[in-house]
Amino acid sequence: MAGTLYLGTSGYAYPQWIGGFYPRKLRPADMLAHYAGRFGSVEINYTFRRDPSERALTAWREQTPASDLAGGWRQRLALGCA
């Protein structure tokens, strides 16, 4: 059976990862871009509170332009999920 496996974690903005996964001087605003350069999937528990806004989806897409994550943000925007 052939397929694609996307690995990721449950979230990406963990201060505890600074100095291990994230470089020490990385700004919190740059965590998603750094993460997306290494993983093709991330679980965002955002929707348990409410659907993300179009502004949030657009910002996430802009921070992950070269990754598979960007496709997910585009799909939600195209489906009107914002």
C-alpha atoms as a PDB file:
ATOM      1  CA  MET A   1       0.000   0.000   0.000  1.00  0.00           C
ATOM      2  CA  ALA A   2       1.435   3.353  -1.047  1.00  0.00           C
ATOM      3  CA  GLY A   3       0.609   6.663   0.531  1.00  0.00           C
ATOM      4  CA  THR A   4       1.938   9.761   2.171  1.00  0.00           C
ATOM      5  CA  LEU A   5       2.651  10.027   5.869  1.00  0.00           C
ATOM      6  CA  TYR A   6       2.606  13.493   7.405  1.00  0.00           C
ATOM      7  CA  LEU A   7       4.345  13.806  10.759  1.00  0.00           C
ATOM      8  CA  GLY A   8       3.777  16.655  13.146  1.00  0.00           C
ATOM      9  CA  THR A   9       3.007  17.532  16.727  1.00  0.00           C
ATOM     10  CA  SER A  10       0.094  18.802  18.758  1.00  0.00           C
ATOM     11  CA  GLY A  11       0.920  22.490  18.456  1.00  0.00           C
ATOM     12  CA  TYR A  12       4.094  24.399  17.710  1.00  0.00           C
ATOM     13  CA  ALA A  13       4.388  27.390  20.071  1.00  0.00           C
ATOM     14  CA  TYR A  14       6.011  25.872  23.124  1.00  0.00           C
ATOM     15  CA  PRO A  15       8.559  28.019  24.995  1.00  0.00           C
ATOM     16  CA  GLN A  16      10.006  24.806  26.456  1.00  0.00           C
ATOM     17  CA  TRP A  17      11.264  23.887  22.973  1.00  0.00           C
ATOM     18  CA  ILE A  18      13.545  26.947  22.784  1.00  0.00           C
ATOM     19  CA  GLY A  19      17.149  25.835  22.910  1.00  0.00           C
ATOM     20  CA  GLY A  20      16.237  22.326  21.745  1.00  0.00           C
ATOM     21  CA  PHE A  21      13.999  22.383  18.689  1.00  0.00           C
ATOM     22  CA  TYR A  22      13.929  26.169  18.305  1.00  0.00           C
ATOM     23  CA  PRO A  23      17.097  28.283  18.209  1.00  0.00           C
ATOM     24  CA  ARG A  24      17.577  30.338  21.370  1.00  0.00           C
ATOM     25  CA  LYS A  25      17.190  33.696  19.609  1.00  0.00           C
ATOM     26  CA  LEU A  26      14.113  32.768  17.548  1.00  0.00           C
ATOM     27  CA  ARG A  27      11.234  35.210  18.049  1.00  0.00           C
ATOM     28  CA  PRO A  28       7.886  33.646  19.061  1.00  0.00           C
ATOM     29  CA  ALA A  29       6.369  35.165  15.899  1.00  0.00           C
ATOM     30  CA  ASP A  30       8.790  33.034  13.833  1.00  0.00           C
ATOM     31  CA  MET A  31       8.020  29.692  15.507  1.00  0.00           C
ATOM     32  CA  LEU A  32       5.436  28.541  12.943  1.00  0.00           C
ATOM     33  CA  ALA A  33       7.720  29.243   9.968  1.00  0.00           C
ATOM     34  CA  HIS A  34      10.577  27.355  11.653  1.00  0.00           C
ATOM     35  CA  TYR A  35       8.260  24.453  12.504  1.00  0.00           C
ATOM     36  CA  ALA A  36       6.819  24.297   8.966  1.00  0.00           C
ATOM     37  CA  GLY A  37      10.308  23.954   7.542  1.00  0.00           C
ATOM     38  CA  ARG A  38      10.680  20.668   9.419  1.00  0.00           C
ATOM     39  CA  PHE A  39       7.215  19.098   9.694  1.00  0.00           C
ATOM     40  CA  GLY A  40       4.380  18.677   7.193  1.00  0.00           C
ATOM     41  CA  SER A  41       1.548  18.649   9.709  1.00  0.00           C
ATOM     42  CA  VAL A  42       0.491  20.370  12.907  1.00  0.00           C
ATOM     43  CA  GLU A  43      -2.557  19.933  15.115  1.00  0.00           C
ATOM     44  CA  ILE A  44      -4.194  23.242  15.945  1.00  0.00           C
ATOM     45  CA  ASN A  45      -6.744  22.876  18.733  1.00  0.00           C
ATOM     46  CA  TYR A  46      -8.068  26.324  17.874  1.00  0.00           C
ATOM     47  CA  THR A  47     -11.400  25.045  16.601  1.00  0.00           C
ATOM     48  CA  PHE A  48     -12.456  23.820  20.036  1.00  0.00           C
ATOM     49  CA  ARG A  49     -12.989  27.472  20.938  1.00  0.00           C
ATOM     50  CA  ARG A  50     -14.183  28.777  17.562  1.00  0.00           C
ATOM     51  CA  ASP A  51     -13.277  28.608  13.892  1.00  0.00           C
ATOM     52  CA  PRO A  52     -10.130  30.593  13.108  1.00  0.00           C
ATOM     53  CA  SER A  53     -10.721  33.955  11.487  1.00  0.00           C
ATOM     54  CA  GLU A  54      -9.794  34.637   7.880  1.00  0.00           C
ATOM     55  CA  ARG A  55      -7.047  36.904   9.224  1.00  0.00           C
ATOM     56  CA  ALA A  56      -5.569  34.062  11.316  1.00  0.00           C
ATOM     57  CA  LEU A  57      -5.718  31.591   8.418  1.00  0.00           C
ATOM     58  CA  THR A  58      -4.102  34.110   6.079  1.00  0.00           C
ATOM     59  CA  ALA A  59      -1.310  34.813   8.582  1.00  0.00           C
ATOM     60  CA  TRP A  60      -0.640  31.086   9.045  1.00  0.00           C
ATOM     61  CA  ARG A  61      -0.597  30.568   5.266  1.00  0.00           C
ATOM     62  CA  GLU A  62       1.859  33.456   4.796  1.00  0.00           C
ATOM     63  CA  GLN A  63       4.183  32.013   7.454  1.00  0.00           C
ATOM     64  CA  THR A  64       4.259  28.596   5.770  1.00  0.00           C
ATOM     65  CA  PRO A  65       4.472  29.311   2.000  1.00  0.00           C
ATOM     66  CA  ALA A  66       6.821  26.486   1.013  1.00  0.00           C
ATOM     67  CA  SER A  67       5.345  23.764   3.212  1.00  0.00           C
ATOM     68  CA  ASP A  68       2.466  21.323   3.000  1.00  0.00           C
ATOM     69  CA  LEU A  69       0.882  23.207   5.896  1.00  0.00           C
ATOM     70  CA  ALA A  70       0.100  26.132   3.594  1.00  0.00           C
ATOM     71  CA  GLY A  71      -2.183  23.913   1.509  1.00  0.00           C
ATOM     72  CA  GLY A  72      -4.367  23.221   4.517  1.00  0.00           C
ATOM     73  CA  TRP A  73      -4.778  26.904   5.283  1.00  0.00           C
ATOM     74  CA  ARG A  74      -5.670  27.596   1.622  1.00  0.00           C
ATOM     75  CA  GLN A  75      -8.271  24.809   1.634  1.00  0.00           C
ATOM     76  CA  ARG A  76     -10.010  26.201   4.714  1.00  0.00           C
ATOM     77  CA  LEU A  77     -10.087  29.678   3.167  1.00  0.00           C
ATOM     78  CA  ALA A  78     -11.437  28.342  -0.133  1.00  0.00           C
ATOM     79  CA  LEU A  79     -14.151  26.361   1.658  1.00  0.00           C
ATOM     80  CA  GLY A  80     -15.226  29.446   3.563  1.00  0.00           C
ATOM     81  CA  CYS A  81     -14.263  27.923   6.903  1.00  0.00           C
ATOM     82  CA  ALA A  82     -12.997  31.234   8.225  1.00  0.00           C
END
